[in-house]
Amino acid sequence: MRILLLADDSITVQRVMALTFANEAIEVVAVSDGRQAIEKLTSQRPDIVLAGTTLPHVNGYDLAKLMRGRPDVKDVPVLLLSGAFESVD
C-alpha cells in the first residue's frame, strides 16, 4: 500500500481526501501542521506529500524546501495546496 501524507489544517480537506482515496490502495496519513508533517516524514516515508501553503508552524513551502535537503525524502513528490483565489497569490 502506498502512503499519501496530507498536511492540511482544514478538516474538510482531510475528509475529502480520505473519501477520495477510500477505495484505492493508498493510505492517507493526515496531519494538521508542518511540524507534525516533519515528524511523520521520519516515522513513515510517504510516497507523495500534499501540503497546504499556509500550514501552522512550518508552511508548505518550507516543508518542501526541508524535504529537498533531506536525502531520505528528497525524491518524494510534493504538491502544494492553496485555497487562495486572488491574482496576487
N, C-alpha and C. Protein backbone atom coordinates (compact mmCIF):
# COMPACT_ATOMS: atom_id res chain seq x y z
N MET A 1 0.84 -1.18 0.00
CA MET A 1 0.00 0.00 0.00
C MET A 1 0.88 1.24 0.00
N ARG A 2 0.51 2.20 -0.81
CA ARG A 2 1.24 3.47 -0.88
C ARG A 2 0.73 4.41 0.21
N ILE A 3 1.62 5.34 0.61
CA ILE A 3 1.28 6.29 1.67
C ILE A 3 1.26 7.70 1.09
N LEU A 4 0.15 8.38 1.30
CA LEU A 4 0.00 9.79 0.94
C LEU A 4 -0.02 10.58 2.24
N LEU A 5 0.95 11.45 2.42
CA LEU A 5 0.98 12.32 3.59
C LEU A 5 0.27 13.61 3.23
N LEU A 6 -0.84 13.86 3.90
CA LEU A 6 -1.63 15.07 3.69
C LEU A 6 -1.41 16.00 4.87
N ALA A 7 -0.81 17.14 4.61
CA ALA A 7 -0.58 18.14 5.64
C ALA A 7 -1.47 19.34 5.34
N ASP A 8 -2.59 19.41 6.03
CA ASP A 8 -3.53 20.50 5.81
C ASP A 8 -4.31 20.75 7.08
N ASP A 9 -4.47 22.01 7.44
CA ASP A 9 -5.16 22.34 8.68
C ASP A 9 -6.68 22.39 8.53
N SER A 10 -7.19 22.08 7.36
CA SER A 10 -8.62 22.04 7.13
C SER A 10 -9.14 20.61 7.31
N ILE A 11 -10.03 20.44 8.27
CA ILE A 11 -10.64 19.13 8.49
C ILE A 11 -11.44 18.72 7.25
N THR A 12 -12.04 19.69 6.59
CA THR A 12 -12.82 19.39 5.37
C THR A 12 -11.93 18.81 4.29
N VAL A 13 -10.78 19.41 4.06
CA VAL A 13 -9.84 18.89 3.06
C VAL A 13 -9.38 17.49 3.46
N GLN A 14 -9.09 17.29 4.73
CA GLN A 14 -8.67 15.96 5.20
C GLN A 14 -9.74 14.92 4.93
N ARG A 15 -10.99 15.25 5.21
CA ARG A 15 -12.09 14.30 4.98
C ARG A 15 -12.31 14.03 3.50
N VAL A 16 -12.27 15.07 2.69
CA VAL A 16 -12.45 14.90 1.24
C VAL A 16 -11.36 14.00 0.67
N MET A 17 -10.13 14.20 1.08
CA MET A 17 -9.03 13.38 0.58
C MET A 17 -9.17 11.93 1.05
N ALA A 18 -9.57 11.74 2.29
CA ALA A 18 -9.77 10.38 2.80
C ALA A 18 -10.86 9.68 2.00
N LEU A 19 -11.94 10.38 1.71
CA LEU A 19 -13.03 9.79 0.91
C LEU A 19 -12.59 9.54 -0.52
N THR A 20 -11.80 10.44 -1.08
CA THR A 20 -11.34 10.30 -2.46
C THR A 20 -10.52 9.03 -2.66
N PHE A 21 -9.70 8.69 -1.66
CA PHE A 21 -8.82 7.54 -1.79
C PHE A 21 -9.29 6.32 -1.00
N ALA A 22 -10.52 6.35 -0.51
CA ALA A 22 -11.03 5.27 0.34
C ALA A 22 -11.00 3.90 -0.34
N ASN A 23 -11.23 3.85 -1.64
CA ASN A 23 -11.28 2.58 -2.35
C ASN A 23 -10.02 2.30 -3.16
N GLU A 24 -8.96 3.00 -2.83
CA GLU A 24 -7.69 2.83 -3.53
C GLU A 24 -6.67 2.18 -2.59
N ALA A 25 -5.59 1.71 -3.16
CA ALA A 25 -4.52 1.10 -2.36
C ALA A 25 -3.58 2.20 -1.86
N ILE A 26 -4.18 3.22 -1.26
CA ILE A 26 -3.44 4.37 -0.76
C ILE A 26 -3.90 4.66 0.66
N GLU A 27 -2.95 4.71 1.57
CA GLU A 27 -3.25 5.09 2.95
C GLU A 27 -3.03 6.59 3.08
N VAL A 28 -4.07 7.32 3.46
CA VAL A 28 -3.95 8.76 3.66
C VAL A 28 -3.60 9.00 5.12
N VAL A 29 -2.43 9.56 5.35
CA VAL A 29 -1.98 9.93 6.69
C VAL A 29 -2.12 11.45 6.78
N ALA A 30 -3.08 11.92 7.58
CA ALA A 30 -3.37 13.34 7.65
C ALA A 30 -2.81 13.96 8.93
N VAL A 31 -2.21 15.13 8.77
CA VAL A 31 -1.72 15.93 9.90
C VAL A 31 -2.20 17.36 9.69
N SER A 32 -2.21 18.14 10.78
CA SER A 32 -2.77 19.48 10.73
C SER A 32 -1.76 20.61 10.67
N ASP A 33 -0.48 20.31 10.82
CA ASP A 33 0.52 21.38 10.73
C ASP A 33 1.85 20.85 10.23
N GLY A 34 2.74 21.78 9.91
CA GLY A 34 4.03 21.42 9.34
C GLY A 34 4.94 20.63 10.26
N ARG A 35 4.90 20.93 11.54
CA ARG A 35 5.74 20.17 12.49
C ARG A 35 5.31 18.70 12.52
N GLN A 36 4.01 18.47 12.53
CA GLN A 36 3.52 17.08 12.52
C GLN A 36 3.93 16.39 11.22
N ALA A 37 3.92 17.11 10.13
CA ALA A 37 4.33 16.53 8.85
C ALA A 37 5.79 16.10 8.90
N ILE A 38 6.65 16.93 9.49
CA ILE A 38 8.07 16.59 9.61
C ILE A 38 8.24 15.34 10.47
N GLU A 39 7.49 15.23 11.54
CA GLU A 39 7.55 14.04 12.39
C GLU A 39 7.13 12.80 11.60
N LYS A 40 6.08 12.91 10.79
CA LYS A 40 5.62 11.76 10.00
C LYS A 40 6.64 11.37 8.94
N LEU A 41 7.36 12.34 8.39
CA LEU A 41 8.40 12.02 7.41
C LEU A 41 9.44 11.10 8.01
N THR A 42 9.69 11.28 9.30
CA THR A 42 10.69 10.47 10.00
C THR A 42 10.16 9.08 10.31
N SER A 43 8.90 9.00 10.72
CA SER A 43 8.34 7.71 11.15
C SER A 43 7.75 6.89 10.00
N GLN A 44 7.24 7.54 8.97
CA GLN A 44 6.63 6.84 7.83
C GLN A 44 7.05 7.56 6.56
N ARG A 45 7.85 6.93 5.74
CA ARG A 45 8.26 7.58 4.49
C ARG A 45 7.10 7.52 3.50
N PRO A 46 6.54 8.69 3.16
CA PRO A 46 5.40 8.70 2.23
C PRO A 46 5.86 8.52 0.78
N ASP A 47 4.91 8.14 -0.06
CA ASP A 47 5.17 8.05 -1.50
C ASP A 47 4.92 9.39 -2.19
N ILE A 48 4.08 10.21 -1.56
CA ILE A 48 3.78 11.55 -2.05
C ILE A 48 3.31 12.40 -0.87
N VAL A 49 3.53 13.70 -0.96
CA VAL A 49 3.09 14.64 0.07
C VAL A 49 2.22 15.70 -0.57
N LEU A 50 1.06 15.94 0.02
CA LEU A 50 0.20 17.06 -0.34
C LEU A 50 0.21 17.99 0.85
N ALA A 51 0.62 19.24 0.66
CA ALA A 51 0.76 20.15 1.79
C ALA A 51 0.13 21.50 1.49
N GLY A 52 -0.59 22.02 2.46
CA GLY A 52 -1.15 23.36 2.35
C GLY A 52 -0.04 24.40 2.39
N THR A 53 -0.23 25.48 1.66
CA THR A 53 0.80 26.52 1.62
C THR A 53 0.83 27.34 2.90
N THR A 54 -0.26 27.37 3.63
CA THR A 54 -0.34 28.23 4.83
C THR A 54 -0.49 27.41 6.11
N LEU A 55 0.23 26.32 6.20
CA LEU A 55 0.18 25.48 7.41
C LEU A 55 0.71 26.23 8.62
N PRO A 56 0.17 25.92 9.80
CA PRO A 56 0.74 26.48 11.03
C PRO A 56 2.15 25.92 11.28
N HIS A 57 2.97 26.69 11.93
CA HIS A 57 4.32 26.33 12.40
C HIS A 57 5.33 26.23 11.26
N VAL A 58 5.14 25.36 10.31
CA VAL A 58 6.02 25.22 9.14
C VAL A 58 5.10 25.17 7.93
N ASN A 59 5.17 26.18 7.06
CA ASN A 59 4.25 26.19 5.92
C ASN A 59 4.68 25.19 4.84
N GLY A 60 3.83 24.99 3.86
CA GLY A 60 4.09 24.01 2.81
C GLY A 60 5.34 24.30 2.01
N TYR A 61 5.62 25.57 1.75
CA TYR A 61 6.83 25.94 1.00
C TYR A 61 8.08 25.51 1.77
N ASP A 62 8.09 25.82 3.06
CA ASP A 62 9.26 25.46 3.88
C ASP A 62 9.37 23.95 4.07
N LEU A 63 8.24 23.28 4.15
CA LEU A 63 8.25 21.81 4.25
C LEU A 63 8.90 21.22 2.99
N ALA A 64 8.51 21.72 1.82
CA ALA A 64 9.09 21.22 0.57
C ALA A 64 10.59 21.49 0.52
N LYS A 65 11.02 22.69 0.94
CA LYS A 65 12.46 23.01 0.96
C LYS A 65 13.21 22.08 1.91
N LEU A 66 12.63 21.85 3.08
CA LEU A 66 13.25 20.95 4.06
C LEU A 66 13.39 19.54 3.47
N MET A 67 12.35 19.08 2.79
CA MET A 67 12.39 17.74 2.20
C MET A 67 13.47 17.63 1.14
N ARG A 68 13.65 18.66 0.33
CA ARG A 68 14.67 18.62 -0.72
C ARG A 68 16.07 18.56 -0.13
N GLY A 69 16.23 19.00 1.11
CA GLY A 69 17.53 18.97 1.76
C GLY A 69 17.80 17.70 2.55
N ARG A 70 16.82 16.81 2.62
CA ARG A 70 17.00 15.56 3.36
C ARG A 70 17.14 14.39 2.40
N PRO A 71 18.26 13.69 2.43
CA PRO A 71 18.49 12.58 1.50
C PRO A 71 17.42 11.48 1.56
N ASP A 72 16.81 11.27 2.73
CA ASP A 72 15.85 10.18 2.87
C ASP A 72 14.50 10.47 2.21
N VAL A 73 14.18 11.75 1.95
CA VAL A 73 12.89 12.09 1.35
C VAL A 73 13.01 13.09 0.19
N LYS A 74 14.22 13.36 -0.26
CA LYS A 74 14.40 14.38 -1.30
C LYS A 74 13.74 14.02 -2.62
N ASP A 75 13.50 12.75 -2.87
CA ASP A 75 12.89 12.33 -4.13
C ASP A 75 11.38 12.11 -4.03
N VAL A 76 10.79 12.39 -2.87
CA VAL A 76 9.35 12.23 -2.69
C VAL A 76 8.64 13.44 -3.33
N PRO A 77 7.70 13.19 -4.24
CA PRO A 77 6.98 14.31 -4.87
C PRO A 77 6.17 15.09 -3.83
N VAL A 78 6.15 16.42 -3.99
CA VAL A 78 5.40 17.31 -3.12
C VAL A 78 4.49 18.17 -3.98
N LEU A 79 3.21 18.17 -3.64
CA LEU A 79 2.24 19.05 -4.29
C LEU A 79 1.74 20.03 -3.24
N LEU A 80 1.76 21.31 -3.56
CA LEU A 80 1.30 22.32 -2.62
C LEU A 80 -0.15 22.68 -2.94
N LEU A 81 -0.95 22.76 -1.88
CA LEU A 81 -2.37 23.08 -2.00
C LEU A 81 -2.61 24.49 -1.51
N SER A 82 -3.38 25.24 -2.28
CA SER A 82 -3.68 26.60 -1.88
C SER A 82 -5.15 26.90 -2.11
N GLY A 83 -5.76 27.54 -1.14
CA GLY A 83 -7.15 27.96 -1.27
C GLY A 83 -7.24 29.41 -1.67
N ALA A 84 -6.11 30.00 -2.06
CA ALA A 84 -6.09 31.41 -2.43
C ALA A 84 -6.69 31.61 -3.82
N PHE A 85 -7.52 32.62 -3.94
CA PHE A 85 -8.19 32.87 -5.23
C PHE A 85 -7.88 34.25 -5.78
N GLU A 86 -7.04 35.01 -5.11
CA GLU A 86 -6.68 36.33 -5.58
C GLU A 86 -5.54 36.24 -6.58
N SER A 87 -5.52 37.10 -7.58
CA SER A 87 -4.47 37.07 -8.60
C SER A 87 -3.09 37.32 -8.01
N VAL A 88 -3.02 38.09 -6.91
CA VAL A 88 -1.74 38.36 -6.28
C VAL A 88 -1.14 37.08 -5.70
N ASP A 89 -1.97 36.13 -5.30
CA ASP A 89 -1.50 34.88 -4.74
C ASP A 89 -0.98 33.97 -5.83
